[in-house]
Amino acid sequence: MKARIVRIGNSRGVRLPKPLIEQAGLGEEVELRVEEGAIVIQASTALRAGWADAARRLVEAGGGGLLDEPTPTKFDATEWRW
């Protein structure tokens, strides 16, 4: 499908037909990037999308602990009395 680049203020834009937007699953926000001389328009993903599932899989696989052993400090010895 061919489209024309139109002037929008100091920028340029391309009008995307509604069926094309629906087929691509695009919402109100999109991600733009350049790949090998092409501009790629992609549906925007929510920040931290999938983090909860990734953390759950990590724990199920036996990971997710501390990287280093805790180092006690003077504060721990004097302030944390239960």
N, C-alpha and C. Protein backbone atom coordinates (compact mmCIF):
# COMPACT_ATOMS: atom_id res chain seq x y z
N MET A 1 0.85 -1.17 0.00
CA MET A 1 0.00 0.00 0.00
C MET A 1 0.90 1.23 0.00
N LYS A 2 0.62 2.16 -0.84
CA LYS A 2 1.37 3.40 -0.90
C LYS A 2 0.62 4.48 -0.12
N ALA A 3 1.38 5.39 0.46
CA ALA A 3 0.80 6.52 1.19
C ALA A 3 1.66 7.73 0.93
N ARG A 4 1.11 8.89 1.16
CA ARG A 4 1.86 10.13 0.97
C ARG A 4 2.30 10.66 2.33
N ILE A 5 3.47 11.26 2.34
CA ILE A 5 3.96 11.94 3.54
C ILE A 5 3.41 13.36 3.48
N VAL A 6 2.72 13.77 4.57
CA VAL A 6 2.09 15.09 4.61
C VAL A 6 2.76 15.96 5.66
N ARG A 7 2.70 17.26 5.45
CA ARG A 7 3.28 18.23 6.38
C ARG A 7 2.33 18.41 7.56
N ILE A 8 2.90 18.33 8.79
CA ILE A 8 2.16 18.59 10.02
C ILE A 8 3.03 19.55 10.83
N GLY A 9 2.79 20.85 10.67
CA GLY A 9 3.66 21.83 11.31
C GLY A 9 5.07 21.71 10.74
N ASN A 10 6.07 21.59 11.63
CA ASN A 10 7.45 21.42 11.19
C ASN A 10 7.81 19.96 10.96
N SER A 11 6.86 19.07 11.21
CA SER A 11 7.11 17.63 11.07
C SER A 11 6.42 17.11 9.82
N ARG A 12 6.51 15.82 9.63
CA ARG A 12 5.82 15.14 8.54
C ARG A 12 5.06 13.96 9.13
N GLY A 13 4.04 13.52 8.47
CA GLY A 13 3.27 12.40 8.96
C GLY A 13 2.72 11.56 7.83
N VAL A 14 2.25 10.38 8.19
CA VAL A 14 1.61 9.47 7.25
C VAL A 14 0.26 9.10 7.84
N ARG A 15 -0.78 9.20 7.04
CA ARG A 15 -2.11 8.79 7.51
C ARG A 15 -2.24 7.29 7.33
N LEU A 16 -2.59 6.62 8.43
CA LEU A 16 -2.73 5.16 8.39
C LEU A 16 -4.21 4.80 8.32
N PRO A 17 -4.60 3.97 7.36
CA PRO A 17 -6.00 3.55 7.28
C PRO A 17 -6.41 2.75 8.53
N LYS A 18 -7.66 2.95 8.96
CA LYS A 18 -8.17 2.29 10.15
C LYS A 18 -8.02 0.76 10.10
N PRO A 19 -8.34 0.10 8.98
CA PRO A 19 -8.18 -1.36 8.94
C PRO A 19 -6.73 -1.80 9.18
N LEU A 20 -5.79 -1.01 8.70
CA LEU A 20 -4.36 -1.33 8.90
C LEU A 20 -3.99 -1.19 10.37
N ILE A 21 -4.49 -0.15 11.02
CA ILE A 21 -4.23 0.06 12.45
C ILE A 21 -4.82 -1.09 13.27
N GLU A 22 -6.03 -1.49 12.94
CA GLU A 22 -6.69 -2.58 13.67
C GLU A 22 -5.96 -3.91 13.45
N GLN A 23 -5.55 -4.16 12.22
CA GLN A 23 -4.86 -5.41 11.90
C GLN A 23 -3.53 -5.51 12.64
N ALA A 24 -2.85 -4.37 12.81
CA ALA A 24 -1.56 -4.35 13.51
C ALA A 24 -1.74 -4.32 15.03
N GLY A 25 -2.96 -4.08 15.51
CA GLY A 25 -3.22 -4.02 16.94
C GLY A 25 -2.63 -2.78 17.60
N LEU A 26 -2.62 -1.67 16.88
CA LEU A 26 -2.05 -0.43 17.42
C LEU A 26 -3.07 0.30 18.27
N GLY A 27 -2.60 0.89 19.36
CA GLY A 27 -3.45 1.69 20.23
C GLY A 27 -3.15 3.16 20.05
N GLU A 28 -3.33 3.92 21.12
CA GLU A 28 -3.10 5.36 21.07
C GLU A 28 -1.61 5.72 21.06
N GLU A 29 -0.78 4.87 21.66
CA GLU A 29 0.67 5.10 21.68
C GLU A 29 1.37 4.00 20.92
N VAL A 30 2.41 4.38 20.19
CA VAL A 30 3.20 3.41 19.42
C VAL A 30 4.68 3.65 19.67
N GLU A 31 5.48 2.65 19.36
CA GLU A 31 6.93 2.75 19.41
C GLU A 31 7.41 2.92 17.98
N LEU A 32 8.36 3.83 17.77
CA LEU A 32 8.95 4.05 16.46
C LEU A 32 10.43 3.74 16.51
N ARG A 33 10.94 3.10 15.44
CA ARG A 33 12.38 2.86 15.36
C ARG A 33 12.75 2.73 13.88
N VAL A 34 14.02 2.88 13.60
CA VAL A 34 14.52 2.74 12.24
C VAL A 34 15.28 1.44 12.15
N GLU A 35 14.98 0.64 11.12
CA GLU A 35 15.67 -0.62 10.87
C GLU A 35 16.01 -0.70 9.39
N GLU A 36 17.28 -0.70 9.08
CA GLU A 36 17.75 -0.88 7.70
C GLU A 36 17.00 -0.01 6.70
N GLY A 37 16.93 1.27 6.98
CA GLY A 37 16.29 2.21 6.05
C GLY A 37 14.78 2.20 6.07
N ALA A 38 14.17 1.55 7.05
CA ALA A 38 12.71 1.52 7.17
C ALA A 38 12.30 2.06 8.53
N ILE A 39 11.17 2.73 8.58
CA ILE A 39 10.60 3.18 9.85
C ILE A 39 9.60 2.12 10.29
N VAL A 40 9.81 1.57 11.48
CA VAL A 40 8.94 0.52 12.00
C VAL A 40 8.03 1.12 13.06
N ILE A 41 6.74 0.92 12.91
CA ILE A 41 5.74 1.36 13.88
C ILE A 41 5.24 0.11 14.59
N GLN A 42 5.36 0.11 15.92
CA GLN A 42 5.00 -1.08 16.70
C GLN A 42 4.13 -0.68 17.87
N ALA A 43 3.20 -1.55 18.26
CA ALA A 43 2.35 -1.29 19.42
C ALA A 43 3.24 -1.07 20.64
N SER A 44 2.91 -0.07 21.42
CA SER A 44 3.66 0.25 22.63
C SER A 44 3.32 -0.74 23.73
N THR A 45 4.34 -1.19 24.46
CA THR A 45 4.09 -2.10 25.57
C THR A 45 4.14 -1.33 26.88
N ALA A 46 3.38 -1.80 27.84
CA ALA A 46 3.35 -1.16 29.15
C ALA A 46 4.70 -1.33 29.83
N LEU A 47 5.09 -0.32 30.59
CA LEU A 47 6.34 -0.42 31.35
C LEU A 47 6.27 -1.61 32.29
N ARG A 48 7.35 -2.33 32.37
CA ARG A 48 7.48 -3.50 33.25
C ARG A 48 6.51 -4.62 32.90
N ALA A 49 6.00 -4.61 31.68
CA ALA A 49 5.09 -5.69 31.27
C ALA A 49 5.83 -7.02 31.33
N GLY A 50 5.24 -7.98 31.99
CA GLY A 50 5.83 -9.31 32.07
C GLY A 50 6.78 -9.51 33.23
N TRP A 51 7.08 -8.46 33.99
CA TRP A 51 8.04 -8.59 35.10
C TRP A 51 7.52 -9.56 36.15
N ALA A 52 6.25 -9.50 36.49
CA ALA A 52 5.70 -10.37 37.53
C ALA A 52 5.82 -11.83 37.12
N ASP A 53 5.49 -12.14 35.87
CA ASP A 53 5.62 -13.52 35.39
C ASP A 53 7.07 -13.97 35.37
N ALA A 54 7.97 -13.09 34.96
CA ALA A 54 9.40 -13.44 34.93
C ALA A 54 9.92 -13.71 36.35
N ALA A 55 9.49 -12.91 37.32
CA ALA A 55 9.91 -13.11 38.72
C ALA A 55 9.37 -14.43 39.25
N ARG A 56 8.13 -14.75 38.92
CA ARG A 56 7.52 -16.01 39.36
C ARG A 56 8.28 -17.21 38.78
N ARG A 57 8.61 -17.14 37.49
CA ARG A 57 9.37 -18.24 36.86
C ARG A 57 10.76 -18.37 37.48
N LEU A 58 11.38 -17.25 37.83
CA LEU A 58 12.70 -17.28 38.45
C LEU A 58 12.65 -17.98 39.80
N VAL A 59 11.66 -17.66 40.61
CA VAL A 59 11.51 -18.29 41.92
C VAL A 59 11.20 -19.77 41.77
N GLU A 60 10.35 -20.12 40.81
CA GLU A 60 10.02 -21.52 40.57
C GLU A 60 11.25 -22.32 40.14
N ALA A 61 12.18 -21.67 39.45
CA ALA A 61 13.40 -22.33 38.99
C ALA A 61 14.47 -22.37 40.08
N GLY A 62 14.16 -21.85 41.25
CA GLY A 62 15.10 -21.89 42.36
C GLY A 62 16.03 -20.69 42.42
N GLY A 63 15.76 -19.67 41.66
CA GLY A 63 16.60 -18.46 41.67
C GLY A 63 15.91 -17.34 42.43
N GLY A 64 16.45 -16.18 42.31
CA GLY A 64 15.82 -15.01 42.89
C GLY A 64 16.30 -14.65 44.28
N GLY A 65 17.33 -15.32 44.78
CA GLY A 65 17.86 -14.98 46.09
C GLY A 65 18.82 -13.80 46.01
N LEU A 66 19.44 -13.51 47.12
CA LEU A 66 20.43 -12.44 47.15
C LEU A 66 21.68 -12.86 46.40
N LEU A 67 22.32 -11.92 45.75
CA LEU A 67 23.55 -12.22 45.02
C LEU A 67 24.73 -12.39 45.97
N ASP A 68 24.75 -11.63 47.05
CA ASP A 68 25.82 -11.69 48.04
C ASP A 68 25.22 -11.98 49.41
N GLU A 69 26.04 -12.52 50.29
CA GLU A 69 25.59 -12.73 51.67
C GLU A 69 25.41 -11.37 52.33
N PRO A 70 24.41 -11.23 53.21
CA PRO A 70 24.23 -9.96 53.92
C PRO A 70 25.45 -9.65 54.78
N THR A 71 25.82 -8.39 54.81
CA THR A 71 26.95 -7.94 55.63
C THR A 71 26.39 -7.18 56.83
N PRO A 72 26.55 -7.72 58.04
CA PRO A 72 26.03 -7.01 59.21
C PRO A 72 26.80 -5.71 59.46
N THR A 73 26.10 -4.74 59.99
CA THR A 73 26.71 -3.46 60.31
C THR A 73 26.46 -3.14 61.78
N LYS A 74 27.09 -2.09 62.27
CA LYS A 74 26.89 -1.65 63.65
C LYS A 74 25.41 -1.28 63.86
N PHE A 75 24.80 -0.70 62.88
CA PHE A 75 23.39 -0.34 62.96
C PHE A 75 22.54 -1.58 63.24
N ASP A 76 22.84 -2.69 62.58
CA ASP A 76 22.08 -3.92 62.79
C ASP A 76 22.19 -4.39 64.24
N ALA A 77 23.36 -4.26 64.82
CA ALA A 77 23.60 -4.77 66.18
C ALA A 77 22.93 -3.90 67.24
N THR A 78 22.84 -2.59 67.01
CA THR A 78 22.33 -1.72 68.07
C THR A 78 20.89 -1.28 67.88
N GLU A 79 20.42 -1.20 66.67
CA GLU A 79 19.09 -0.62 66.43
C GLU A 79 17.99 -1.67 66.30
N TRP A 80 18.29 -2.86 65.88
CA TRP A 80 17.24 -3.83 65.60
C TRP A 80 17.08 -4.83 66.73
N ARG A 81 16.57 -4.38 67.81
CA ARG A 81 16.27 -5.27 68.93
C ARG A 81 14.78 -5.45 69.00
N TRP A 82 14.33 -6.68 68.95
CA TRP A 82 12.91 -6.97 68.92
C TRP A 82 12.40 -7.28 70.27
